[in-house]
Amino acid sequence: MDAKPHRDLLEELYERLLEFHGPQHWWPGDGWFEIMVGAVLTQAASWKNVEMALGNLKAAGVLSPESIRRMDGDELAALLYPSGYYNSKAKKLKSLAQFIGDRFSDSVERLKEKDVLMLREELLGIHGVGRETADAILLYAVGKARFVVDNYTKRILSRIGAIEKDASYSSIQRLFEENLAPEIEKYSEYHALLVRHGNSVCTTKPTCDRCCLADLCETGRRALGT
C-alpha cells in the first residue's frame, strides 16, 4: 500500500478506537520521574502490579532520582517486589537515576532541551532500557513526539494486514511517524488505545464479534465469515 492508504487507515483506526474506548488519558503517574519509573517497571508486568510497586516507593518517600541513587539495592528491590523481576528492576532504576543525575542534574527541563534522537541514543545506553521503554520515556515523561510500539500494536496491525507479523520495531514506528503528524497528545492517546484494545478485545484469542475494527481486519472477517 502507498502512503495515502496507510495514512487513511491509521486515522480511521484511531477514530474508531477512540469512539469505542473513549479517551485513556495516559500515562498514569504523578510527575515525570514517576512516569519514567513506571515505564521500567511495566516490563513483563501488569499495570496493577506496577501500581503496587509505585505505591511502595511513594509510601517509603523514595520516588525521586536522588532517593533511588542513595537507596540500598536490596531495600529498593524489596519495594519493587510486586512488579516482578525486582532485583533486575532495582538495578535498572538505579542506572536510570544515575544517568539522570550525572547527565541532567535531575532536571526534566534539561532533558527536554536535548535533541530527541540524541537523547534516545543515550537512553538506549542505560542498563535495562530498550526501545519501547526509551520511547515511552521520551513521549510521556519528556514530551517528545516518538511513537511507542509494543506487542499490542504489532498484533493489531498484523491482523489488520497493515504490517507483516515479523515487522521490525523501527519499521512499525516509521509507519506511524511518516503518516501521522508529530503530535504528542495524539501519539500518547493512540498508543494507549492500542494497549486498551489489545488487552481487552484483540487478545491472543480475539473476541472479534465485539471488535470495532472487525470489518477492516483480515482476522475479524474470517472469524465472522464476512
C-alpha atoms as a PDB file:
ATOM      1  CA  MET A   1       0.000   0.000   0.000  1.00  0.00           C
ATOM      2  CA  ASP A   2       1.214   3.529  -0.688  1.00  0.00           C
ATOM      3  CA  ALA A   3       1.459   6.346   1.824  1.00  0.00           C
ATOM      4  CA  LYS A   4      -2.087   7.724   1.475  1.00  0.00           C
ATOM      5  CA  PRO A   5      -3.922   4.440   2.154  1.00  0.00           C
ATOM      6  CA  HIS A   6      -1.647   3.888   5.144  1.00  0.00           C
ATOM      7  CA  ARG A   7      -2.435   7.379   6.401  1.00  0.00           C
ATOM      8  CA  ASP A   8      -6.161   6.906   5.880  1.00  0.00           C
ATOM      9  CA  LEU A   9      -6.109   3.530   7.595  1.00  0.00           C
ATOM     10  CA  LEU A  10      -4.196   4.783  10.630  1.00  0.00           C
ATOM     11  CA  GLU A  11      -6.526   7.755  11.019  1.00  0.00           C
ATOM     12  CA  GLU A  12      -9.576   5.515  10.770  1.00  0.00           C
ATOM     13  CA  LEU A  13      -8.190   3.076  13.318  1.00  0.00           C
ATOM     14  CA  TYR A  14      -7.581   5.931  15.715  1.00  0.00           C
ATOM     15  CA  GLU A  15     -11.062   7.393  15.332  1.00  0.00           C
ATOM     16  CA  ARG A  16     -12.759   4.030  15.770  1.00  0.00           C
ATOM     17  CA  LEU A  17     -10.714   3.086  18.824  1.00  0.00           C
ATOM     18  CA  LEU A  18     -11.310   6.498  20.394  1.00  0.00           C
ATOM     19  CA  GLU A  19     -15.065   6.263  19.846  1.00  0.00           C
ATOM     20  CA  PHE A  20     -15.172   2.677  21.150  1.00  0.00           C
ATOM     21  CA  HIS A  21     -12.977   3.022  24.246  1.00  0.00           C
ATOM     22  CA  GLY A  22     -13.044   6.747  24.948  1.00  0.00           C
ATOM     23  CA  PRO A  23     -10.015   8.870  25.957  1.00  0.00           C
ATOM     24  CA  GLN A  24      -7.432   6.975  28.015  1.00  0.00           C
ATOM     25  CA  HIS A  25      -5.540   9.977  29.474  1.00  0.00           C
ATOM     26  CA  TRP A  26      -2.168   8.222  29.542  1.00  0.00           C
ATOM     27  CA  TRP A  27       0.469   7.902  31.031  1.00  0.00           C
ATOM     28  CA  PRO A  28      -0.731   7.403  34.608  1.00  0.00           C
ATOM     29  CA  GLY A  29       1.699   8.958  37.061  1.00  0.00           C
ATOM     30  CA  ASP A  30       2.350  11.974  39.257  1.00  0.00           C
ATOM     31  CA  GLY A  31       5.251  13.750  37.616  1.00  0.00           C
ATOM     32  CA  TRP A  32       7.924  12.990  35.082  1.00  0.00           C
ATOM     33  CA  PHE A  33      10.118  10.721  37.210  1.00  0.00           C
ATOM     34  CA  GLU A  34       7.230   8.524  38.330  1.00  0.00           C
ATOM     35  CA  ILE A  35       6.341   8.082  34.660  1.00  0.00           C
ATOM     36  CA  MET A  36       9.923   7.029  33.914  1.00  0.00           C
ATOM     37  CA  VAL A  37       9.892   4.558  36.793  1.00  0.00           C
ATOM     38  CA  GLY A  38       6.570   3.160  35.583  1.00  0.00           C
ATOM     39  CA  ALA A  39       7.978   2.700  32.083  1.00  0.00           C
ATOM     40  CA  VAL A  40      10.735   0.499  33.533  1.00  0.00           C
ATOM     41  CA  LEU A  41       8.559  -1.414  35.983  1.00  0.00           C
ATOM     42  CA  THR A  42       5.916  -2.269  33.385  1.00  0.00           C
ATOM     43  CA  GLN A  43       8.394  -4.512  31.585  1.00  0.00           C
ATOM     44  CA  ALA A  44       6.918  -8.046  31.840  1.00  0.00           C
ATOM     45  CA  ALA A  45       4.369  -6.860  34.412  1.00  0.00           C
ATOM     46  CA  SER A  46       0.705  -5.882  34.575  1.00  0.00           C
ATOM     47  CA  TRP A  47      -0.052  -2.256  35.371  1.00  0.00           C
ATOM     48  CA  LYS A  48      -1.914  -3.357  38.516  1.00  0.00           C
ATOM     49  CA  ASN A  49       1.318  -4.819  39.883  1.00  0.00           C
ATOM     50  CA  VAL A  50       3.299  -1.770  38.779  1.00  0.00           C
ATOM     51  CA  GLU A  51       0.896   0.446  40.720  1.00  0.00           C
ATOM     52  CA  MET A  52       1.552  -1.588  43.870  1.00  0.00           C
ATOM     53  CA  ALA A  53       5.305  -1.158  43.466  1.00  0.00           C
ATOM     54  CA  LEU A  54       4.908   2.573  42.825  1.00  0.00           C
ATOM     55  CA  GLY A  55       2.735   2.759  45.934  1.00  0.00           C
ATOM     56  CA  ASN A  56       5.522   1.149  47.935  1.00  0.00           C
ATOM     57  CA  LEU A  57       8.023   3.702  46.648  1.00  0.00           C
ATOM     58  CA  LYS A  58       5.679   6.579  47.496  1.00  0.00           C
ATOM     59  CA  ALA A  59       4.942   5.241  50.959  1.00  0.00           C
ATOM     60  CA  ALA A  60       8.683   4.955  51.621  1.00  0.00           C
ATOM     61  CA  GLY A  61       9.234   8.502  50.327  1.00  0.00           C
ATOM     62  CA  VAL A  62      11.834   7.433  47.776  1.00  0.00           C
ATOM     63  CA  LEU A  63      10.201   8.237  44.444  1.00  0.00           C
ATOM     64  CA  SER A  64      12.898  10.622  43.237  1.00  0.00           C
ATOM     65  CA  PRO A  65      16.162  10.153  41.315  1.00  0.00           C
ATOM     66  CA  GLU A  66      18.279  11.194  44.320  1.00  0.00           C
ATOM     67  CA  SER A  67      16.484   8.796  46.673  1.00  0.00           C
ATOM     68  CA  ILE A  68      16.804   5.891  44.240  1.00  0.00           C
ATOM     69  CA  ARG A  69      20.531   6.562  43.875  1.00  0.00           C
ATOM     70  CA  ARG A  70      21.037   6.599  47.643  1.00  0.00           C
ATOM     71  CA  MET A  71      18.966   3.522  48.445  1.00  0.00           C
ATOM     72  CA  ASP A  72      20.478   0.171  49.222  1.00  0.00           C
ATOM     73  CA  GLY A  73      19.835  -2.122  46.258  1.00  0.00           C
ATOM     74  CA  ASP A  74      18.234  -4.868  48.331  1.00  0.00           C
ATOM     75  CA  GLU A  75      15.911  -2.414  50.057  1.00  0.00           C
ATOM     76  CA  LEU A  76      14.864  -0.982  46.704  1.00  0.00           C
ATOM     77  CA  ALA A  77      14.279  -4.463  45.303  1.00  0.00           C
ATOM     78  CA  ALA A  78      12.013  -5.311  48.244  1.00  0.00           C
ATOM     79  CA  LEU A  79       9.818  -2.297  47.463  1.00  0.00           C
ATOM     80  CA  LEU A  80       9.627  -3.354  43.803  1.00  0.00           C
ATOM     81  CA  TYR A  81       8.631  -6.935  44.638  1.00  0.00           C
ATOM     82  CA  PRO A  82       5.023  -6.667  43.291  1.00  0.00           C
ATOM     83  CA  SER A  83       6.279  -5.766  39.800  1.00  0.00           C
ATOM     84  CA  GLY A  84       8.271  -8.986  39.389  1.00  0.00           C
ATOM     85  CA  TYR A  85      11.946  -9.366  38.441  1.00  0.00           C
ATOM     86  CA  TYR A  86      12.510  -6.960  41.320  1.00  0.00           C
ATOM     87  CA  ASN A  87      16.276  -7.446  41.670  1.00  0.00           C
ATOM     88  CA  SER A  88      16.782  -6.741  37.985  1.00  0.00           C
ATOM     89  CA  LYS A  89      14.423  -3.785  38.019  1.00  0.00           C
ATOM     90  CA  ALA A  90      16.172  -2.303  41.049  1.00  0.00           C
ATOM     91  CA  LYS A  91      19.427  -2.280  39.075  1.00  0.00           C
ATOM     92  CA  LYS A  92      17.665  -0.734  36.074  1.00  0.00           C
ATOM     93  CA  LEU A  93      16.160   2.050  38.174  1.00  0.00           C
ATOM     94  CA  LYS A  94      19.487   2.789  39.816  1.00  0.00           C
ATOM     95  CA  SER A  95      21.117   3.034  36.376  1.00  0.00           C
ATOM     96  CA  LEU A  96      18.345   5.347  35.161  1.00  0.00           C
ATOM     97  CA  ALA A  97      18.544   7.561  38.252  1.00  0.00           C
ATOM     98  CA  GLN A  98      22.340   7.742  37.966  1.00  0.00           C
ATOM     99  CA  PHE A  99      22.063   8.752  34.311  1.00  0.00           C
ATOM    100  CA  ILE A 100      19.536  11.482  35.076  1.00  0.00           C
ATOM    101  CA  GLY A 101      21.740  12.847  37.838  1.00  0.00           C
ATOM    102  CA  ASP A 102      25.056  12.643  36.011  1.00  0.00           C
ATOM    103  CA  ARG A 103      23.869  13.980  32.664  1.00  0.00           C
ATOM    104  CA  PHE A 104      20.967  16.264  33.526  1.00  0.00           C
ATOM    105  CA  SER A 105      21.260  17.159  37.239  1.00  0.00           C
ATOM    106  CA  ASP A 106      17.835  15.615  37.902  1.00  0.00           C
ATOM    107  CA  SER A 107      16.188  18.267  35.710  1.00  0.00           C
ATOM    108  CA  VAL A 108      13.460  17.316  33.259  1.00  0.00           C
ATOM    109  CA  GLU A 109      13.849  20.746  31.651  1.00  0.00           C
ATOM    110  CA  ARG A 110      17.417  19.837  30.693  1.00  0.00           C
ATOM    111  CA  LEU A 111      16.154  16.564  29.282  1.00  0.00           C
ATOM    112  CA  LYS A 112      13.638  18.472  27.160  1.00  0.00           C
ATOM    113  CA  GLU A 113      16.386  20.678  25.738  1.00  0.00           C
ATOM    114  CA  LYS A 114      18.214  17.666  24.301  1.00  0.00           C
ATOM    115  CA  ASP A 115      17.692  16.657  20.665  1.00  0.00           C
ATOM    116  CA  VAL A 116      15.228  13.764  20.605  1.00  0.00           C
ATOM    117  CA  LEU A 117      17.363  11.365  18.569  1.00  0.00           C
ATOM    118  CA  MET A 118      20.478  12.067  20.611  1.00  0.00           C
ATOM    119  CA  LEU A 119      18.558  11.640  23.861  1.00  0.00           C
ATOM    120  CA  ARG A 120      17.064   8.378  22.615  1.00  0.00           C
ATOM    121  CA  GLU A 121      20.518   7.013  21.882  1.00  0.00           C
ATOM    122  CA  GLU A 122      21.668   7.955  25.367  1.00  0.00           C
ATOM    123  CA  LEU A 123      18.621   6.315  26.946  1.00  0.00           C
ATOM    124  CA  LEU A 124      19.288   3.131  24.982  1.00  0.00           C
ATOM    125  CA  GLY A 125      22.734   3.052  26.548  1.00  0.00           C
ATOM    126  CA  ILE A 126      21.250   2.730  30.053  1.00  0.00           C
ATOM    127  CA  HIS A 127      21.168  -0.747  31.564  1.00  0.00           C
ATOM    128  CA  GLY A 128      17.716  -2.272  31.025  1.00  0.00           C
ATOM    129  CA  VAL A 129      16.312   0.418  28.736  1.00  0.00           C
ATOM    130  CA  GLY A 130      15.203  -0.935  25.367  1.00  0.00           C
ATOM    131  CA  ARG A 131      13.439   0.793  22.501  1.00  0.00           C
ATOM    132  CA  GLU A 132       9.908   0.582  23.885  1.00  0.00           C
ATOM    133  CA  THR A 133      10.963   1.843  27.316  1.00  0.00           C
ATOM    134  CA  ALA A 134      13.087   4.628  25.816  1.00  0.00           C
ATOM    135  CA  ASP A 135      10.269   5.810  23.569  1.00  0.00           C
ATOM    136  CA  ALA A 136       7.743   5.670  26.420  1.00  0.00           C
ATOM    137  CA  ILE A 137      10.077   7.856  28.495  1.00  0.00           C
ATOM    138  CA  LEU A 138      10.547  10.279  25.601  1.00  0.00           C
ATOM    139  CA  LEU A 139       6.831  10.563  24.822  1.00  0.00           C
ATOM    140  CA  TYR A 140       5.202  10.525  28.223  1.00  0.00           C
ATOM    141  CA  ALA A 141       7.857  11.895  30.586  1.00  0.00           C
ATOM    142  CA  VAL A 142       9.922  14.236  28.417  1.00  0.00           C
ATOM    143  CA  GLY A 143       7.256  15.315  25.919  1.00  0.00           C
ATOM    144  CA  LYS A 144       8.953  14.289  22.675  1.00  0.00           C
ATOM    145  CA  ALA A 145       6.889  13.041  19.729  1.00  0.00           C
ATOM    146  CA  ARG A 146       8.055   9.434  19.400  1.00  0.00           C
ATOM    147  CA  PHE A 147       5.514   6.721  18.678  1.00  0.00           C
ATOM    148  CA  VAL A 148       5.717   3.812  21.142  1.00  0.00           C
ATOM    149  CA  VAL A 149       5.463   0.340  19.629  1.00  0.00           C
ATOM    150  CA  ASP A 150       4.552  -2.662  21.756  1.00  0.00           C
ATOM    151  CA  ASN A 151       3.241  -6.188  21.269  1.00  0.00           C
ATOM    152  CA  TYR A 152      -0.365  -4.982  21.184  1.00  0.00           C
ATOM    153  CA  THR A 153       0.480  -2.627  18.321  1.00  0.00           C
ATOM    154  CA  LYS A 154       2.160  -5.434  16.395  1.00  0.00           C
ATOM    155  CA  ARG A 155      -0.725  -7.828  16.986  1.00  0.00           C
ATOM    156  CA  ILE A 156      -3.487  -5.439  15.921  1.00  0.00           C
ATOM    157  CA  LEU A 157      -1.728  -4.106  12.838  1.00  0.00           C
ATOM    158  CA  SER A 158      -0.628  -7.537  11.648  1.00  0.00           C
ATOM    159  CA  ARG A 159      -4.153  -8.914  11.996  1.00  0.00           C
ATOM    160  CA  ILE A 160      -5.478  -5.983  10.007  1.00  0.00           C
ATOM    161  CA  GLY A 161      -2.856  -6.682   7.363  1.00  0.00           C
ATOM    162  CA  ALA A 162      -1.089  -3.321   7.635  1.00  0.00           C
ATOM    163  CA  ILE A 163       2.227  -4.972   8.563  1.00  0.00           C
ATOM    164  CA  GLU A 164       3.838  -8.381   8.367  1.00  0.00           C
ATOM    165  CA  LYS A 165       3.879 -10.477  11.538  1.00  0.00           C
ATOM    166  CA  ASP A 166       7.672 -10.259  11.673  1.00  0.00           C
ATOM    167  CA  ALA A 167       7.825  -6.483  11.045  1.00  0.00           C
ATOM    168  CA  SER A 168      10.600  -4.780  12.994  1.00  0.00           C
ATOM    169  CA  TYR A 169      10.089  -2.227  15.749  1.00  0.00           C
ATOM    170  CA  SER A 170      11.665   0.544  13.683  1.00  0.00           C
ATOM    171  CA  SER A 171       9.570  -0.184  10.586  1.00  0.00           C
ATOM    172  CA  ILE A 172       6.329  -0.075  12.586  1.00  0.00           C
ATOM    173  CA  GLN A 173       7.397   3.145  14.266  1.00  0.00           C
ATOM    174  CA  ARG A 174       8.184   4.681  10.870  1.00  0.00           C
ATOM    175  CA  LEU A 175       4.742   3.660   9.609  1.00  0.00           C
ATOM    176  CA  PHE A 176       3.111   5.807  12.280  1.00  0.00           C
ATOM    177  CA  GLU A 177       5.582   8.682  12.275  1.00  0.00           C
ATOM    178  CA  GLU A 178       5.638   9.049   8.487  1.00  0.00           C
ATOM    179  CA  ASN A 179       1.839   9.040   8.190  1.00  0.00           C
ATOM    180  CA  LEU A 180       0.698  10.960  11.261  1.00  0.00           C
ATOM    181  CA  ALA A 181       1.583  14.495  12.283  1.00  0.00           C
ATOM    182  CA  PRO A 182       4.071  14.541  15.195  1.00  0.00           C
ATOM    183  CA  GLU A 183       1.511  15.469  17.842  1.00  0.00           C
ATOM    184  CA  ILE A 184       2.435  14.410  21.386  1.00  0.00           C
ATOM    185  CA  GLU A 185      -1.171  14.221  22.594  1.00  0.00           C
ATOM    186  CA  LYS A 186      -2.282  12.087  19.650  1.00  0.00           C
ATOM    187  CA  TYR A 187       0.700   9.745  19.843  1.00  0.00           C
ATOM    188  CA  SER A 188       0.039   9.313  23.560  1.00  0.00           C
ATOM    189  CA  GLU A 189      -3.660   8.620  23.093  1.00  0.00           C
ATOM    190  CA  TYR A 190      -3.148   6.335  20.102  1.00  0.00           C
ATOM    191  CA  HIS A 191      -0.650   4.133  21.918  1.00  0.00           C
ATOM    192  CA  ALA A 192      -2.923   3.969  24.972  1.00  0.00           C
ATOM    193  CA  LEU A 193      -5.908   2.984  22.822  1.00  0.00           C
ATOM    194  CA  LEU A 194      -3.947   0.207  21.130  1.00  0.00           C
ATOM    195  CA  VAL A 195      -2.923  -1.136  24.534  1.00  0.00           C
ATOM    196  CA  ARG A 196      -6.524  -0.980  25.775  1.00  0.00           C
ATOM    197  CA  HIS A 197      -7.854  -2.729  22.668  1.00  0.00           C
ATOM    198  CA  GLY A 198      -5.133  -5.369  22.631  1.00  0.00           C
ATOM    199  CA  ASN A 199      -5.649  -6.090  26.310  1.00  0.00           C
ATOM    200  CA  SER A 200      -9.449  -6.285  26.249  1.00  0.00           C
ATOM    201  CA  VAL A 201     -10.626  -7.194  22.722  1.00  0.00           C
ATOM    202  CA  CYS A 202      -7.834  -8.085  20.301  1.00  0.00           C
ATOM    203  CA  THR A 203      -6.297 -10.534  22.741  1.00  0.00           C
ATOM    204  CA  THR A 204      -4.329 -13.691  21.939  1.00  0.00           C
ATOM    205  CA  LYS A 205      -7.743 -15.288  21.369  1.00  0.00           C
ATOM    206  CA  PRO A 206      -9.623 -12.280  19.969  1.00  0.00           C
ATOM    207  CA  THR A 207     -13.308 -11.539  20.570  1.00  0.00           C
ATOM    208  CA  CYS A 208     -13.989 -10.424  17.026  1.00  0.00           C
ATOM    209  CA  ASP A 209     -17.769 -10.296  17.493  1.00  0.00           C
ATOM    210  CA  ARG A 210     -17.397  -7.177  19.655  1.00  0.00           C
ATOM    211  CA  CYS A 211     -14.448  -5.564  17.858  1.00  0.00           C
ATOM    212  CA  CYS A 212     -14.865  -2.097  16.379  1.00  0.00           C
ATOM    213  CA  LEU A 213     -12.227  -2.951  13.758  1.00  0.00           C
ATOM    214  CA  ALA A 214     -13.604  -6.318  12.635  1.00  0.00           C
ATOM    215  CA  ASP A 215     -14.707  -5.190   9.166  1.00  0.00           C
ATOM    216  CA  LEU A 216     -11.230  -3.749   8.498  1.00  0.00           C
ATOM    217  CA  CYS A 217      -9.434  -6.779   9.857  1.00  0.00           C
ATOM    218  CA  GLU A 218      -8.485  -9.905   7.948  1.00  0.00           C
ATOM    219  CA  THR A 219      -8.690 -11.955  11.152  1.00  0.00           C
ATOM    220  CA  GLY A 220     -12.038 -10.420  12.057  1.00  0.00           C
ATOM    221  CA  ARG A 221     -13.606 -11.021   8.644  1.00  0.00           C
ATOM    222  CA  ARG A 222     -12.529 -14.651   8.690  1.00  0.00           C
ATOM    223  CA  ALA A 223     -13.853 -15.124  12.213  1.00  0.00           C
ATOM    224  CA  LEU A 224     -17.211 -13.559  11.387  1.00  0.00           C
ATOM    225  CA  GLY A 225     -17.482 -15.157   7.947  1.00  0.00           C
ATOM    226  CA  THR A 226     -17.846 -11.857   6.134  1.00  0.00           C
END
